[in-house]
Amino acid sequence: MRIVLFTGKGGVGKTTTSVATALRLADRGLKTLLVSTDAAHSLADALGVPVGSEPTELAAGLDGVQLDSQLNFEAAWVEIGRYLVDLLSQSGIDPITAEELTVLPGIEEVLALLAVREFADRGRWDAIVLDCAPTAETLRLLALPEALSWYLQRVLPVHRKLARGIRPVAALLGRPAVLPGDSVFAAILRLAEELTRVQALLADPAVTSVRLVLTPEAVVTAEARRTFTALALYGYQVDEVIANRIFPQPADGSAVSAWQQSWVSAQDEQLRAIAESFAGLPVRRLGYRPGEPVGLVELREVATELYGQLPGADPAAVTEAGPLLELASVGPPGQSPQYQLSLNLPLASQGEVSASRTGDELIVTVAGHRRVLALPSVLRRCQVTGGSAADGRLVLRFEPDPRFWPAP
């Protein structure tokens, strides 16, 4: 199984490149599923054929689906939604308004992730290609499994104990429906477990990778750099960058207008910056086409430009990459042990990174993006003695805490 996600700033060509990649995978003999998680679906527009809310065949070896968040919501949120409607109704809100209010912010992203995991579990496809929403929505989507699972696992048990203690009193007051029953808690726990499975699937570099699509413009490149850092913080592997809509240089050396030459020069400068920023990652290039690539024929031409003539490059190939998180013993022999925890944060500068410890967890924040990491068992008995952020890595130093470390 191989999962490839395409994301980038709105309008840079994510849908075109994701569809072209899915077509190439299918043409290479891999049974492929093309999935749109973007609320503003564009697969049908790019392919020129209808794409439904259930996987349907688009071409030989290629199926496509545009996720229907409302349909998924109604199917997966029944138990929790019923409780929320009852709760709001008892507060004096009419049932129709209560149902509208139960559509919680971010629930579409949660259900999209669960649908992707379900498709992977079916075992019908060798590869799944995701046409994701623009970068801000994609980052929220990919940060959700770990964050929500963390919250549910820690907060829910406390709420469950409180509910069990208060329920008899609430019954005497004649308002038992205000408190969630065991079936609601069970539904939320199932959700937490499923989110943990989603996180494990999407954060496995042997299965899943992200491809950043951009155009060689300063604003777009800056956002792609920030996205690259944020994805590393959340534990996701970026394996390629696709630079789209590049102005062609005249092949015969003929003169071009001053306007076109200014664009060519500006793009050349950005392409050099992209090569430096994403050093070590392949940067594929797509030229500016005379018209929009719509339909299987033109999208296959895009695939050929990206990956070469068949058999050509394999879009499903796994790029070897170093670990995102490393723990090493750095103490000199014969002395008290010292440890170093290193987190890969490419392109992050010293001023953008902060880290703090709370109990057995490390909270890392990079340019507004936050992740809570459970410390390895050996570091839970240590104290932080220093840290630095340089050369694309956050490095923290730990020494044994005398209160918890056995004396020699």
Protein backbone atom coordinates (compact mmCIF):
# COMPACT_ATOMS: atom_id res chain seq x y z
CA MET A 1 0.00 0.00 0.00
CA ARG A 2 1.23 3.47 -0.91
CA ILE A 3 -0.44 6.78 0.02
CA VAL A 4 0.62 10.08 -1.57
CA LEU A 5 -0.82 13.46 -0.52
CA PHE A 6 -0.65 16.57 -2.70
CA THR A 7 -0.99 19.99 -1.12
CA GLY A 8 -0.02 23.58 -1.76
CA LYS A 9 -1.34 27.11 -1.80
CA GLY A 10 -4.72 27.47 -3.49
CA GLY A 11 -4.52 27.72 -7.26
CA VAL A 12 -1.02 26.28 -7.79
CA GLY A 13 -2.20 23.12 -9.57
CA LYS A 14 -2.63 20.50 -6.82
CA THR A 15 -5.54 18.81 -8.56
CA THR A 16 -3.78 18.67 -11.93
CA THR A 17 -0.62 17.12 -10.50
CA SER A 18 -2.46 14.69 -8.23
CA VAL A 19 -4.69 13.44 -11.07
CA ALA A 20 -1.71 13.15 -13.45
CA THR A 21 0.18 11.15 -10.81
CA ALA A 22 -2.78 8.84 -10.19
CA LEU A 23 -3.09 8.22 -13.94
CA ARG A 24 0.60 7.37 -14.21
CA LEU A 25 0.33 4.92 -11.31
CA ALA A 26 -2.67 3.23 -12.94
CA ASP A 27 -0.87 3.10 -16.31
CA ARG A 28 2.06 1.39 -14.57
CA GLY A 29 -0.30 -1.38 -13.44
CA LEU A 30 -1.10 -0.27 -9.89
CA LYS A 31 -4.75 -0.35 -8.87
CA THR A 32 -5.13 3.29 -7.78
CA LEU A 33 -7.74 5.30 -5.91
CA LEU A 34 -7.87 9.08 -6.39
CA VAL A 35 -9.47 10.88 -3.44
CA SER A 36 -10.42 14.54 -3.04
CA THR A 37 -10.53 15.78 0.57
CA ASP A 38 -10.99 19.40 -0.52
CA ALA A 39 -14.44 20.81 0.28
CA ALA A 40 -14.27 22.61 -3.10
CA HIS A 41 -13.88 19.43 -5.16
CA SER A 42 -12.20 19.82 -8.57
CA LEU A 43 -11.61 16.24 -9.70
CA ALA A 44 -14.67 16.15 -11.94
CA ASP A 45 -13.66 19.49 -13.52
CA ALA A 46 -10.12 18.30 -14.21
CA LEU A 47 -11.14 14.91 -15.59
CA GLY A 48 -14.17 16.10 -17.50
CA VAL A 49 -16.23 13.19 -16.13
CA PRO A 50 -18.56 12.85 -13.10
CA VAL A 51 -16.95 11.78 -9.83
CA GLY A 52 -19.26 10.58 -7.04
CA SER A 53 -19.14 10.11 -3.29
CA GLU A 54 -18.34 6.40 -3.68
CA PRO A 55 -15.33 5.03 -5.61
CA THR A 56 -16.15 4.72 -9.32
CA GLU A 57 -13.96 3.75 -12.25
CA LEU A 58 -12.46 6.72 -14.11
CA ALA A 59 -9.99 4.86 -16.34
CA ALA A 60 -8.39 1.44 -16.56
CA GLY A 61 -6.99 0.72 -13.09
CA LEU A 62 -8.07 4.11 -11.71
CA ASP A 63 -11.01 4.78 -9.38
CA GLY A 64 -12.00 8.19 -8.02
CA VAL A 65 -14.08 9.56 -5.17
CA GLN A 66 -14.99 13.03 -3.88
CA LEU A 67 -15.67 12.66 -0.17
CA ASP A 68 -19.14 13.79 0.89
CA SER A 69 -18.56 15.22 4.38
CA GLN A 70 -22.29 15.50 5.13
CA LEU A 71 -22.93 11.86 4.19
CA ASN A 72 -19.96 10.71 6.27
CA PHE A 73 -21.12 12.87 9.16
CA GLU A 74 -24.59 11.34 9.19
CA ALA A 75 -23.15 7.82 9.07
CA ALA A 76 -20.41 8.18 11.69
CA TRP A 77 -21.77 10.75 14.15
CA VAL A 78 -25.11 9.15 15.01
CA GLU A 79 -24.53 8.28 18.68
CA ILE A 80 -22.67 11.47 19.61
CA GLY A 81 -24.95 13.66 17.50
CA ARG A 82 -28.08 12.28 19.14
CA TYR A 83 -26.73 13.14 22.59
CA LEU A 84 -25.77 16.68 21.51
CA VAL A 85 -29.22 17.27 20.00
CA ASP A 86 -30.89 16.10 23.25
CA LEU A 87 -28.58 18.31 25.30
CA LEU A 88 -29.28 21.41 23.20
CA SER A 89 -33.02 20.68 23.06
CA GLN A 90 -33.21 20.59 26.87
CA SER A 91 -31.61 24.04 26.87
CA GLY A 92 -34.60 25.40 25.00
CA ILE A 93 -33.20 25.21 21.44
CA ASP A 94 -35.59 23.83 18.84
CA PRO A 95 -34.58 20.42 17.36
CA ILE A 96 -33.81 21.73 13.84
CA THR A 97 -31.44 24.41 15.15
CA ALA A 98 -29.94 21.86 17.56
CA GLU A 99 -29.11 19.53 14.67
CA GLU A 100 -27.39 22.38 12.82
CA LEU A 101 -25.32 23.22 15.89
CA THR A 102 -24.08 19.62 16.24
CA VAL A 103 -22.01 19.98 13.05
CA LEU A 104 -18.85 20.73 15.00
CA PRO A 105 -16.04 22.84 13.47
CA GLY A 106 -13.38 20.57 12.00
CA ILE A 107 -15.57 17.46 11.94
CA GLU A 108 -15.35 17.32 8.13
CA GLU A 109 -11.55 16.95 8.38
CA VAL A 110 -11.87 14.20 11.00
CA LEU A 111 -14.31 12.21 8.89
CA ALA A 112 -12.18 12.70 5.76
CA LEU A 113 -9.25 11.09 7.56
CA LEU A 114 -11.36 8.20 8.78
CA ALA A 115 -12.62 7.64 5.23
CA VAL A 116 -9.05 7.49 3.90
CA ARG A 117 -8.14 4.91 6.53
CA GLU A 118 -11.24 2.90 5.62
CA PHE A 119 -10.22 2.89 1.95
CA ALA A 120 -6.75 1.69 2.93
CA ASP A 121 -8.25 -1.09 5.08
CA ARG A 122 -10.37 -2.39 2.21
CA GLY A 123 -7.25 -3.67 0.45
CA ARG A 124 -8.71 -3.05 -3.02
CA TRP A 125 -6.04 -0.56 -4.11
CA ASP A 126 -2.27 -0.61 -4.36
CA ALA A 127 -2.01 3.17 -4.13
CA ILE A 128 -4.16 6.03 -2.84
CA VAL A 129 -3.56 9.56 -4.13
CA LEU A 130 -5.09 12.43 -2.13
CA ASP A 131 -5.93 15.78 -3.67
CA CYS A 132 -5.89 17.79 -0.44
CA ALA A 133 -7.25 21.21 0.43
CA PRO A 134 -4.95 24.27 0.38
CA THR A 135 -2.06 24.15 2.84
CA ALA A 136 -3.72 25.77 5.88
CA GLU A 137 -6.61 23.28 5.79
CA THR A 138 -4.24 20.38 5.08
CA LEU A 139 -2.06 21.20 8.08
CA ARG A 140 -5.15 21.33 10.29
CA LEU A 141 -6.27 18.03 8.78
CA LEU A 142 -2.95 16.28 9.45
CA ALA A 143 -2.55 17.74 12.96
CA LEU A 144 -6.00 16.57 14.06
CA PRO A 145 -5.45 12.83 14.70
CA GLU A 146 -2.69 13.24 17.27
CA ALA A 147 -4.11 16.37 18.91
CA LEU A 148 -7.68 15.10 19.23
CA SER A 149 -6.60 11.62 20.30
CA TRP A 150 -4.36 13.17 22.98
CA TYR A 151 -7.25 15.27 24.25
CA LEU A 152 -9.77 12.43 24.30
CA GLN A 153 -7.45 10.00 26.05
CA ARG A 154 -6.69 12.46 28.85
CA VAL A 155 -9.91 14.41 29.33
CA LEU A 156 -12.54 11.79 28.57
CA PRO A 157 -11.80 9.44 31.53
CA VAL A 158 -12.23 12.35 33.95
CA HIS A 159 -15.53 13.37 32.34
CA ARG A 160 -16.72 9.78 32.40
CA LYS A 161 -16.08 9.46 36.16
CA LEU A 162 -17.82 12.75 36.81
CA ALA A 163 -20.82 11.69 34.74
CA ARG A 164 -21.15 8.41 36.62
CA GLY A 165 -21.03 10.25 39.92
CA ILE A 166 -23.48 12.98 38.96
CA ARG A 167 -25.96 10.85 36.97
CA PRO A 168 -27.93 9.62 40.06
CA VAL A 169 -28.27 13.21 41.31
CA ALA A 170 -29.35 14.37 37.84
CA ALA A 171 -31.98 11.64 37.75
CA LEU A 172 -33.42 12.86 41.03
CA LEU A 173 -33.59 16.36 39.55
CA GLY A 174 -35.46 14.98 36.54
CA ARG A 175 -32.82 15.87 33.95
CA PRO A 176 -30.89 12.64 33.26
CA ALA A 177 -30.54 13.30 29.51
CA VAL A 178 -28.16 16.21 30.14
CA LEU A 179 -25.39 13.72 30.95
CA PRO A 180 -23.92 11.43 28.29
CA GLY A 181 -24.53 7.72 28.67
CA ASP A 182 -21.96 4.95 28.39
CA SER A 183 -22.79 4.47 24.70
CA VAL A 184 -21.73 8.07 23.98
CA PHE A 185 -18.45 7.60 25.84
CA ALA A 186 -17.89 4.33 23.97
CA ALA A 187 -18.46 6.12 20.66
CA ILE A 188 -15.95 8.83 21.55
CA LEU A 189 -13.39 6.22 22.65
CA ARG A 190 -13.83 4.42 19.33
CA LEU A 191 -13.20 7.72 17.59
CA ALA A 192 -9.98 8.21 19.58
CA GLU A 193 -8.80 4.70 18.69
CA GLU A 194 -9.56 5.22 15.02
CA LEU A 195 -7.70 8.53 15.01
CA THR A 196 -4.67 6.79 16.54
CA ARG A 197 -4.76 4.28 13.67
CA VAL A 198 -5.01 7.12 11.15
CA GLN A 199 -1.98 8.82 12.69
CA ALA A 200 0.05 5.61 12.54
CA LEU A 201 -0.87 5.12 8.87
CA LEU A 202 -0.17 8.65 7.68
CA ALA A 203 3.02 9.13 9.71
CA ASP A 204 4.62 5.91 8.41
CA PRO A 205 7.22 7.07 5.82
CA ALA A 206 7.25 3.62 4.24
CA VAL A 207 3.56 4.07 3.37
CA THR A 208 2.72 7.76 3.21
CA SER A 209 4.47 10.84 1.86
CA VAL A 210 3.48 14.42 1.07
CA ARG A 211 4.27 16.31 -2.13
CA LEU A 212 4.33 20.09 -2.10
CA VAL A 213 3.02 21.80 -5.23
CA LEU A 214 4.04 25.41 -5.81
CA THR A 215 4.58 28.02 -8.48
CA PRO A 216 7.93 29.86 -8.61
CA GLU A 217 6.68 33.03 -6.93
CA ALA A 218 8.03 34.60 -3.74
CA VAL A 219 4.78 34.47 -1.75
CA VAL A 220 3.99 30.88 -2.79
CA THR A 221 7.54 29.69 -2.09
CA ALA A 222 7.52 31.29 1.37
CA GLU A 223 4.30 29.46 2.26
CA ALA A 224 5.70 26.17 0.95
CA ARG A 225 8.76 26.60 3.16
CA ARG A 226 6.58 27.11 6.24
CA THR A 227 4.45 24.12 5.28
CA PHE A 228 7.57 21.95 4.91
CA THR A 229 8.64 22.83 8.46
CA ALA A 230 5.15 22.32 9.92
CA LEU A 231 4.77 18.91 8.26
CA ALA A 232 8.08 17.78 9.76
CA LEU A 233 6.93 19.00 13.19
CA TYR A 234 3.78 16.86 12.93
CA GLY A 235 5.82 13.85 11.81
CA TYR A 236 4.96 13.69 8.10
CA GLN A 237 7.47 12.92 5.37
CA VAL A 238 7.77 15.28 2.38
CA ASP A 239 9.47 13.44 -0.49
CA GLU A 240 9.08 15.76 -3.50
CA VAL A 241 8.45 19.33 -4.58
CA ILE A 242 6.63 20.11 -7.83
CA ALA A 243 7.26 23.54 -9.39
CA ASN A 244 4.37 24.29 -11.73
CA ARG A 245 3.65 26.89 -14.45
CA ILE A 246 7.23 27.67 -15.40
CA PHE A 247 7.61 30.08 -18.33
CA PRO A 248 9.50 28.38 -21.16
CA GLN A 249 12.72 29.73 -22.62
CA PRO A 250 12.62 29.98 -26.44
CA ALA A 251 14.24 26.79 -27.75
CA ASP A 252 15.59 28.52 -30.87
CA GLY A 253 17.13 31.43 -28.96
CA SER A 254 14.69 33.93 -30.44
CA ALA A 255 13.97 37.19 -28.65
CA VAL A 256 11.09 37.49 -26.20
CA SER A 257 9.17 40.50 -25.00
CA ALA A 258 10.42 42.49 -22.03
CA TRP A 259 7.31 41.44 -20.09
CA GLN A 260 7.95 37.72 -20.67
CA GLN A 261 11.66 38.07 -19.96
CA SER A 262 10.91 39.74 -16.62
CA TRP A 263 8.76 36.75 -15.64
CA VAL A 264 11.41 34.28 -16.79
CA SER A 265 14.10 36.08 -14.77
CA ALA A 266 11.91 36.29 -11.66
CA GLN A 267 11.03 32.60 -11.90
CA ASP A 268 14.68 31.63 -12.39
CA GLU A 269 15.54 33.43 -9.16
CA GLN A 270 12.74 31.64 -7.30
CA LEU A 271 13.69 28.25 -8.76
CA ARG A 272 17.23 28.71 -7.44
CA ALA A 273 15.79 29.58 -4.02
CA ILE A 274 13.53 26.50 -4.16
CA ALA A 275 16.48 24.25 -4.98
CA GLU A 276 18.39 25.68 -1.99
CA SER A 277 15.42 25.62 0.41
CA PHE A 278 14.42 22.05 -0.31
CA ALA A 279 17.94 20.69 -0.72
CA GLY A 280 17.95 16.92 -0.86
CA LEU A 281 14.40 16.69 -2.24
CA PRO A 282 13.67 16.11 -5.93
CA VAL A 283 12.15 19.22 -7.55
CA ARG A 284 10.04 18.26 -10.56
CA ARG A 285 9.15 20.98 -13.07
CA LEU A 286 6.03 21.58 -15.13
CA GLY A 287 5.95 24.18 -17.87
CA TYR A 288 3.26 26.81 -18.39
CA ARG A 289 0.82 25.21 -20.80
CA PRO A 290 -1.13 27.12 -23.47
CA GLY A 291 -4.42 25.95 -21.93
CA GLU A 292 -5.83 24.13 -18.92
CA PRO A 293 -5.13 20.39 -18.99
CA VAL A 294 -8.62 18.86 -18.85
CA GLY A 295 -9.40 15.24 -19.65
CA LEU A 296 -7.42 12.00 -19.61
CA VAL A 297 -5.38 12.74 -22.75
CA GLU A 298 -4.01 16.08 -21.58
CA LEU A 299 -3.50 14.90 -18.00
CA ARG A 300 -1.44 11.98 -19.29
CA GLU A 301 0.70 14.55 -21.11
CA VAL A 302 1.24 16.28 -17.77
CA ALA A 303 2.24 12.93 -16.26
CA THR A 304 4.77 12.42 -19.07
CA GLU A 305 6.26 15.85 -18.42
CA LEU A 306 6.50 15.06 -14.71
CA TYR A 307 7.74 11.49 -14.80
CA GLY A 308 8.95 10.86 -18.36
CA GLN A 309 7.80 8.39 -20.97
CA LEU A 310 6.51 5.05 -19.70
CA PRO A 311 7.81 3.17 -17.85
CA GLY A 312 9.67 6.29 -16.66
CA ALA A 313 10.02 7.29 -13.05
CA ASP A 314 7.85 5.49 -10.49
CA PRO A 315 5.61 8.02 -8.68
CA ALA A 316 5.07 5.46 -5.90
CA ALA A 317 8.78 5.04 -5.13
CA VAL A 318 9.65 5.58 -1.47
CA THR A 319 12.39 8.16 -0.92
CA GLU A 320 14.93 7.22 1.72
CA ALA A 321 14.96 9.82 4.49
CA GLY A 322 16.50 10.21 7.90
CA PRO A 323 14.42 9.81 11.06
CA LEU A 324 12.29 12.76 12.12
CA LEU A 325 13.07 12.13 15.81
CA GLU A 326 16.34 10.74 17.22
CA LEU A 327 17.50 9.88 20.73
CA ALA A 328 21.20 9.38 21.40
CA SER A 329 23.41 8.83 24.44
CA VAL A 330 26.17 11.44 24.35
CA GLY A 331 27.72 11.17 27.81
CA PRO A 332 31.42 10.28 28.09
CA PRO A 333 32.17 6.69 29.17
CA GLY A 334 32.45 6.13 32.90
CA GLN A 335 30.49 9.24 33.83
CA SER A 336 26.82 9.97 34.46
CA PRO A 337 24.78 9.35 31.30
CA GLN A 338 23.70 12.28 29.15
CA TYR A 339 21.14 12.19 26.38
CA GLN A 340 20.33 14.23 23.30
CA LEU A 341 16.89 14.41 21.69
CA SER A 342 16.91 15.71 18.12
CA LEU A 343 13.81 16.70 16.12
CA ASN A 344 13.99 17.38 12.39
CA LEU A 345 12.62 20.90 11.66
CA PRO A 346 13.86 21.87 8.18
CA LEU A 347 14.03 25.59 7.39
CA ALA A 348 13.06 26.61 10.93
CA SER A 349 15.06 29.50 12.40
CA GLN A 350 16.12 29.90 16.03
CA GLY A 351 13.53 32.58 16.79
CA GLU A 352 10.62 30.53 15.45
CA VAL A 353 11.15 27.51 17.72
CA SER A 354 10.24 27.12 21.37
CA ALA A 355 10.07 24.02 23.55
CA SER A 356 8.81 23.39 27.06
CA ARG A 357 8.34 20.35 29.21
CA THR A 358 5.16 19.48 31.08
CA GLY A 359 5.41 16.30 33.11
CA ASP A 360 6.26 13.44 30.77
CA GLU A 361 5.54 15.44 27.62
CA LEU A 362 7.46 17.88 25.47
CA ILE A 363 5.56 20.76 23.84
CA VAL A 364 7.25 22.07 20.68
CA THR A 365 5.98 25.19 18.92
CA VAL A 366 7.21 26.37 15.52
CA ALA A 367 5.80 29.56 13.98
CA GLY A 368 2.39 29.03 15.56
CA HIS A 369 2.20 25.27 15.00
CA ARG A 370 2.28 23.15 18.15
CA ARG A 371 2.87 19.48 18.81
CA VAL A 372 2.81 17.52 22.07
CA LEU A 373 5.35 14.68 22.14
CA ALA A 374 5.46 11.92 24.74
CA LEU A 375 9.02 11.67 26.04
CA PRO A 376 10.79 8.30 25.80
CA SER A 377 10.83 6.46 29.11
CA VAL A 378 14.51 7.15 29.81
CA LEU A 379 14.00 10.93 29.44
CA ARG A 380 11.07 10.99 31.84
CA ARG A 381 13.58 10.54 34.65
CA CYS A 382 15.82 13.30 33.31
CA GLN A 383 15.83 17.08 33.36
CA VAL A 384 16.42 19.41 30.41
CA THR A 385 19.80 21.14 30.65
CA GLY A 386 19.91 23.03 27.37
CA GLY A 387 18.85 23.21 23.76
CA SER A 388 19.37 24.85 20.40
CA ALA A 389 17.74 25.14 16.99
CA ALA A 390 20.15 25.22 14.05
CA ASP A 391 20.76 23.54 10.70
CA GLY A 392 17.17 22.40 10.49
CA ARG A 393 17.08 20.50 13.78
CA LEU A 394 15.91 21.18 17.33
CA VAL A 395 18.38 19.61 19.76
CA LEU A 396 17.59 19.24 23.48
CA ARG A 397 20.04 17.96 26.09
CA PHE A 398 18.98 15.89 29.10
CA GLU A 399 20.74 14.76 32.26
CA PRO A 400 19.49 12.31 34.92
CA ASP A 401 17.30 13.87 37.60
CA PRO A 402 18.77 12.82 40.97
CA ARG A 403 15.25 12.53 42.42
CA PHE A 404 14.33 9.71 40.02
CA TRP A 405 17.67 8.23 38.94
CA PRO A 406 19.24 5.47 41.02
CA ALA A 407 22.52 6.42 42.67
CA PRO A 408 25.64 4.65 41.30
